[in-house]
Amino acid sequence: MSDEATNLPYESTSENLKYPPAEKCIFCNKKIEEIGGSRIIAQKLRGVILSTKPQSGGKKDTPRQSYKLDDKTDRYVVVWGEKELWTASAIERARNEFLSKHSPWYCQICGARKCSKCNSPINYPMGSDILDEDGYSSHCAIFPVNPGCSNKECEEYKEWKTHQKDS
């Protein structure tokens, strides 16, 4: 196994390897600066991870599918969610991002964490694992609150304070 192949992040590892985010959303191919909001890597209904074991199953409309990362490792790109989102090209982009030591992600618009009025990202993407600039992820729990819209022009706009670091 090559040194490059052994330094890939994957689920359930004690190595705790993290890669920075890919440049663009795996589905719409837009940069986070164009969209706003957070980078999502997993939700109950859709997601992408690197695993040491192939996974399958799930619901008929949102199956869990595994694709071998390469011929040199026993690692798999595991995706789940709507079949129309996980096209062959989206899966190949995810695979290539992992191979280039970047973490694939999708935006809040593609992850359905958007305002019902204007389609801008909501302030807090509940029920989502989000990817930070440094490659670490955190979970946004589900709370019984309306986080409001991030778009100042929207009637659903709410000012929202986060714990995120200032750049």
C-alpha atoms as a PDB file:
ATOM      1  CA  MET A   1       0.000   0.000   0.000  1.00  0.00           C
ATOM      2  CA  SER A   2       1.407   3.410  -0.950  1.00  0.00           C
ATOM      3  CA  ASP A   3       2.023   6.143   1.624  1.00  0.00           C
ATOM      4  CA  GLU A   4      -0.572   8.299  -0.139  1.00  0.00           C
ATOM      5  CA  ALA A   5      -3.209   5.577   0.104  1.00  0.00           C
ATOM      6  CA  THR A   6      -2.571   5.017   3.799  1.00  0.00           C
ATOM      7  CA  ASN A   7      -3.098   8.707   4.605  1.00  0.00           C
ATOM      8  CA  LEU A   8      -6.737   8.951   3.576  1.00  0.00           C
ATOM      9  CA  PRO A   9      -9.445   9.883   6.079  1.00  0.00           C
ATOM     10  CA  TYR A  10     -12.147   7.343   6.700  1.00  0.00           C
ATOM     11  CA  GLU A  11     -14.902   6.518   9.079  1.00  0.00           C
ATOM     12  CA  SER A  12     -14.054   4.805  12.388  1.00  0.00           C
ATOM     13  CA  THR A  13     -10.353   5.555  12.375  1.00  0.00           C
ATOM     14  CA  SER A  14      -8.197   6.234  15.368  1.00  0.00           C
ATOM     15  CA  GLU A  15      -5.719   8.054  13.111  1.00  0.00           C
ATOM     16  CA  ASN A  16      -8.070  11.049  13.044  1.00  0.00           C
ATOM     17  CA  LEU A  17      -6.842  12.201   9.620  1.00  0.00           C
ATOM     18  CA  LYS A  18      -8.667  15.177   8.178  1.00  0.00           C
ATOM     19  CA  TYR A  19      -8.554  16.729   4.726  1.00  0.00           C
ATOM     20  CA  PRO A  20      -9.557  20.258   3.833  1.00  0.00           C
ATOM     21  CA  PRO A  21     -12.801  20.768   1.935  1.00  0.00           C
ATOM     22  CA  ALA A  22     -12.943  20.350  -1.813  1.00  0.00           C
ATOM     23  CA  GLU A  23     -13.226  23.624  -3.713  1.00  0.00           C
ATOM     24  CA  LYS A  24     -16.815  23.115  -4.954  1.00  0.00           C
ATOM     25  CA  CYS A  25     -20.130  21.463  -4.069  1.00  0.00           C
ATOM     26  CA  ILE A  26     -20.179  17.882  -5.312  1.00  0.00           C
ATOM     27  CA  PHE A  27     -23.646  18.354  -6.856  1.00  0.00           C
ATOM     28  CA  CYS A  28     -23.998  21.930  -8.205  1.00  0.00           C
ATOM     29  CA  ASN A  29     -20.279  22.614  -8.694  1.00  0.00           C
ATOM     30  CA  LYS A  30     -20.449  26.033  -6.959  1.00  0.00           C
ATOM     31  CA  LYS A  31     -18.016  27.462  -4.399  1.00  0.00           C
ATOM     32  CA  ILE A  32     -19.248  28.096  -0.858  1.00  0.00           C
ATOM     33  CA  GLU A  33     -18.554  31.815  -1.375  1.00  0.00           C
ATOM     34  CA  GLU A  34     -21.145  31.840  -4.186  1.00  0.00           C
ATOM     35  CA  ILE A  35     -23.818  30.115  -2.118  1.00  0.00           C
ATOM     36  CA  GLY A  36     -23.167  30.975   1.514  1.00  0.00           C
ATOM     37  CA  GLY A  37     -24.076  28.737   4.400  1.00  0.00           C
ATOM     38  CA  SER A  38     -22.141  25.645   5.461  1.00  0.00           C
ATOM     39  CA  ARG A  39     -20.511  22.685   3.732  1.00  0.00           C
ATOM     40  CA  ILE A  40     -22.482  19.502   4.492  1.00  0.00           C
ATOM     41  CA  ILE A  41     -20.980  15.996   4.421  1.00  0.00           C
ATOM     42  CA  ALA A  42     -23.786  13.913   5.903  1.00  0.00           C
ATOM     43  CA  GLN A  43     -27.454  13.923   6.837  1.00  0.00           C
ATOM     44  CA  LYS A  44     -29.921  11.139   7.515  1.00  0.00           C
ATOM     45  CA  LEU A  45     -31.161  11.226   3.911  1.00  0.00           C
ATOM     46  CA  ARG A  46     -27.923  11.957   2.004  1.00  0.00           C
ATOM     47  CA  GLY A  47     -24.194  11.934   2.504  1.00  0.00           C
ATOM     48  CA  VAL A  48     -20.693  10.914   1.450  1.00  0.00           C
ATOM     49  CA  ILE A  49     -17.964   9.245   3.529  1.00  0.00           C
ATOM     50  CA  LEU A  50     -14.828   7.193   3.076  1.00  0.00           C
ATOM     51  CA  SER A  51     -15.021   3.813   4.806  1.00  0.00           C
ATOM     52  CA  THR A  52     -12.918   0.710   5.347  1.00  0.00           C
ATOM     53  CA  LYS A  53     -15.978  -1.451   4.674  1.00  0.00           C
ATOM     54  CA  PRO A  54     -18.425  -1.452   1.781  1.00  0.00           C
ATOM     55  CA  GLN A  55     -21.959  -0.510   2.770  1.00  0.00           C
ATOM     56  CA  SER A  56     -25.287  -1.104   1.099  1.00  0.00           C
ATOM     57  CA  GLY A  57     -28.968  -1.108   1.858  1.00  0.00           C
ATOM     58  CA  GLY A  58     -31.078   1.815   2.924  1.00  0.00           C
ATOM     59  CA  LYS A  59     -34.385   2.798   1.457  1.00  0.00           C
ATOM     60  CA  LYS A  60     -35.377   2.107  -2.132  1.00  0.00           C
ATOM     61  CA  ASP A  61     -35.407   5.806  -3.060  1.00  0.00           C
ATOM     62  CA  THR A  62     -32.284   6.708  -1.031  1.00  0.00           C
ATOM     63  CA  PRO A  63     -29.972   3.695  -1.222  1.00  0.00           C
ATOM     64  CA  ARG A  64     -26.548   3.391   0.388  1.00  0.00           C
ATOM     65  CA  GLN A  65     -23.957   2.522  -2.267  1.00  0.00           C
ATOM     66  CA  SER A  66     -20.215   1.780  -2.087  1.00  0.00           C
ATOM     67  CA  TYR A  67     -17.538   2.293  -4.703  1.00  0.00           C
ATOM     68  CA  LYS A  68     -13.954   1.086  -4.379  1.00  0.00           C
ATOM     69  CA  LEU A  69     -11.644   4.078  -3.940  1.00  0.00           C
ATOM     70  CA  ASP A  70      -8.816   2.502  -5.941  1.00  0.00           C
ATOM     71  CA  ASP A  71      -7.109  -0.823  -6.580  1.00  0.00           C
ATOM     72  CA  LYS A  72      -4.416  -0.201  -3.963  1.00  0.00           C
ATOM     73  CA  THR A  73      -6.537   0.138  -0.805  1.00  0.00           C
ATOM     74  CA  ASP A  74      -9.465  -1.508   0.907  1.00  0.00           C
ATOM     75  CA  ARG A  75     -11.359   1.759   1.200  1.00  0.00           C
ATOM     76  CA  TYR A  76     -14.700   2.682  -0.241  1.00  0.00           C
ATOM     77  CA  VAL A  77     -16.493   5.873  -1.148  1.00  0.00           C
ATOM     78  CA  VAL A  78     -19.905   5.401   0.434  1.00  0.00           C
ATOM     79  CA  VAL A  79     -22.786   7.583  -0.730  1.00  0.00           C
ATOM     80  CA  TRP A  80     -26.443   7.613   0.189  1.00  0.00           C
ATOM     81  CA  GLY A  81     -29.386   9.685  -0.844  1.00  0.00           C
ATOM     82  CA  GLU A  82     -31.555  10.481  -3.797  1.00  0.00           C
ATOM     83  CA  LYS A  83     -30.571   8.556  -6.911  1.00  0.00           C
ATOM     84  CA  GLU A  84     -30.948  11.667  -9.065  1.00  0.00           C
ATOM     85  CA  LEU A  85     -28.319  13.493  -6.967  1.00  0.00           C
ATOM     86  CA  TRP A  86     -25.769  10.677  -6.958  1.00  0.00           C
ATOM     87  CA  THR A  87     -25.112  10.536 -10.668  1.00  0.00           C
ATOM     88  CA  ALA A  88     -22.074   8.715 -12.048  1.00  0.00           C
ATOM     89  CA  SER A  89     -20.281  12.060 -12.451  1.00  0.00           C
ATOM     90  CA  ALA A  90     -21.029  13.144  -8.844  1.00  0.00           C
ATOM     91  CA  ILE A  91     -19.714   9.813  -7.533  1.00  0.00           C
ATOM     92  CA  GLU A  92     -16.581  10.133  -9.671  1.00  0.00           C
ATOM     93  CA  ARG A  93     -16.027  13.704  -8.411  1.00  0.00           C
ATOM     94  CA  ALA A  94     -16.310  12.459  -4.807  1.00  0.00           C
ATOM     95  CA  ARG A  95     -13.832   9.670  -5.506  1.00  0.00           C
ATOM     96  CA  ASN A  96     -11.375  12.076  -7.159  1.00  0.00           C
ATOM     97  CA  GLU A  97     -11.635  14.543  -4.253  1.00  0.00           C
ATOM     98  CA  PHE A  98     -10.746  11.823  -1.734  1.00  0.00           C
ATOM     99  CA  LEU A  99      -7.847  10.700  -3.936  1.00  0.00           C
ATOM    100  CA  SER A 100      -6.555  14.291  -4.113  1.00  0.00           C
ATOM    101  CA  LYS A 101      -6.693  14.567  -0.291  1.00  0.00           C
ATOM    102  CA  HIS A 102      -9.787  16.775  -0.145  1.00  0.00           C
ATOM    103  CA  SER A 103     -13.127  16.085   1.492  1.00  0.00           C
ATOM    104  CA  PRO A 104     -16.142  16.211  -0.829  1.00  0.00           C
ATOM    105  CA  TRP A 105     -19.134  18.184   0.454  1.00  0.00           C
ATOM    106  CA  TYR A 106     -22.452  19.579  -0.716  1.00  0.00           C
ATOM    107  CA  CYS A 107     -24.037  22.950  -0.126  1.00  0.00           C
ATOM    108  CA  GLN A 108     -27.113  23.705   1.948  1.00  0.00           C
ATOM    109  CA  ILE A 109     -29.151  24.310  -1.201  1.00  0.00           C
ATOM    110  CA  CYS A 110     -28.389  20.812  -2.543  1.00  0.00           C
ATOM    111  CA  GLY A 111     -28.785  19.429   0.989  1.00  0.00           C
ATOM    112  CA  ALA A 112     -32.286  20.947   1.361  1.00  0.00           C
ATOM    113  CA  ARG A 113     -31.314  23.244   4.239  1.00  0.00           C
ATOM    114  CA  LYS A 114     -32.655  26.345   2.562  1.00  0.00           C
ATOM    115  CA  CYS A 115     -35.274  29.003   3.179  1.00  0.00           C
ATOM    116  CA  SER A 116     -38.769  28.088   2.033  1.00  0.00           C
ATOM    117  CA  LYS A 117     -39.358  31.667   0.846  1.00  0.00           C
ATOM    118  CA  CYS A 118     -36.195  32.641  -1.078  1.00  0.00           C
ATOM    119  CA  ASN A 119     -34.109  29.415  -1.309  1.00  0.00           C
ATOM    120  CA  SER A 120     -31.072  30.964   0.426  1.00  0.00           C
ATOM    121  CA  PRO A 121     -29.279  28.877   3.078  1.00  0.00           C
ATOM    122  CA  ILE A 122     -30.950  28.889   6.484  1.00  0.00           C
ATOM    123  CA  ASN A 123     -28.835  30.093   9.396  1.00  0.00           C
ATOM    124  CA  TYR A 124     -28.400  26.706  11.048  1.00  0.00           C
ATOM    125  CA  PRO A 125     -28.453  23.494   8.927  1.00  0.00           C
ATOM    126  CA  MET A 126     -30.191  21.240  11.462  1.00  0.00           C
ATOM    127  CA  GLY A 127     -29.579  17.515  11.273  1.00  0.00           C
ATOM    128  CA  SER A 128     -26.398  17.948   9.233  1.00  0.00           C
ATOM    129  CA  ASP A 129     -22.729  17.129   9.718  1.00  0.00           C
ATOM    130  CA  ILE A 130     -20.823  20.159   8.502  1.00  0.00           C
ATOM    131  CA  LEU A 131     -17.226  20.415   7.324  1.00  0.00           C
ATOM    132  CA  ASP A 132     -14.994  23.219   8.559  1.00  0.00           C
ATOM    133  CA  GLU A 133     -12.065  24.788   6.685  1.00  0.00           C
ATOM    134  CA  ASP A 134      -9.578  22.751   8.734  1.00  0.00           C
ATOM    135  CA  GLY A 135     -11.170  19.442   7.704  1.00  0.00           C
ATOM    136  CA  TYR A 136     -12.890  18.759  11.017  1.00  0.00           C
ATOM    137  CA  SER A 137     -16.607  18.124  11.100  1.00  0.00           C
ATOM    138  CA  SER A 138     -19.306  18.845  13.642  1.00  0.00           C
ATOM    139  CA  HIS A 139     -22.976  17.993  13.942  1.00  0.00           C
ATOM    140  CA  CYS A 140     -25.810  20.518  13.923  1.00  0.00           C
ATOM    141  CA  ALA A 141     -28.439  19.038  16.210  1.00  0.00           C
ATOM    142  CA  ILE A 142     -32.146  19.396  15.564  1.00  0.00           C
ATOM    143  CA  PHE A 143     -33.789  21.971  17.833  1.00  0.00           C
ATOM    144  CA  PRO A 144     -37.431  23.096  17.929  1.00  0.00           C
ATOM    145  CA  VAL A 145     -36.606  26.608  16.705  1.00  0.00           C
ATOM    146  CA  ASN A 146     -36.842  28.413  13.396  1.00  0.00           C
ATOM    147  CA  PRO A 147     -33.259  29.416  12.590  1.00  0.00           C
ATOM    148  CA  GLY A 148     -34.411  31.920  10.009  1.00  0.00           C
ATOM    149  CA  CYS A 149     -32.920  32.799   6.658  1.00  0.00           C
ATOM    150  CA  SER A 150     -29.391  34.097   6.048  1.00  0.00           C
ATOM    151  CA  ASN A 151     -30.561  36.463   3.289  1.00  0.00           C
ATOM    152  CA  LYS A 152     -31.012  39.993   4.678  1.00  0.00           C
ATOM    153  CA  GLU A 153     -33.499  40.780   1.883  1.00  0.00           C
ATOM    154  CA  CYS A 154     -35.821  37.891   2.853  1.00  0.00           C
ATOM    155  CA  GLU A 155     -38.848  38.309   5.138  1.00  0.00           C
ATOM    156  CA  GLU A 156     -37.631  35.213   7.049  1.00  0.00           C
ATOM    157  CA  TYR A 157     -34.216  36.771   7.788  1.00  0.00           C
ATOM    158  CA  LYS A 158     -32.929  36.486  11.346  1.00  0.00           C
ATOM    159  CA  GLU A 159     -29.633  37.672  12.716  1.00  0.00           C
ATOM    160  CA  TRP A 160     -27.806  34.572  13.897  1.00  0.00           C
ATOM    161  CA  LYS A 161     -24.675  34.342  15.984  1.00  0.00           C
ATOM    162  CA  THR A 162     -22.410  31.324  15.749  1.00  0.00           C
ATOM    163  CA  HIS A 163     -19.360  30.109  17.564  1.00  0.00           C
ATOM    164  CA  GLN A 164     -17.330  30.065  14.340  1.00  0.00           C
ATOM    165  CA  LYS A 165     -13.874  31.604  14.353  1.00  0.00           C
ATOM    166  CA  ASP A 166     -13.330  34.988  12.757  1.00  0.00           C
ATOM    167  CA  SER A 167     -11.128  34.851   9.680  1.00  0.00           C
END
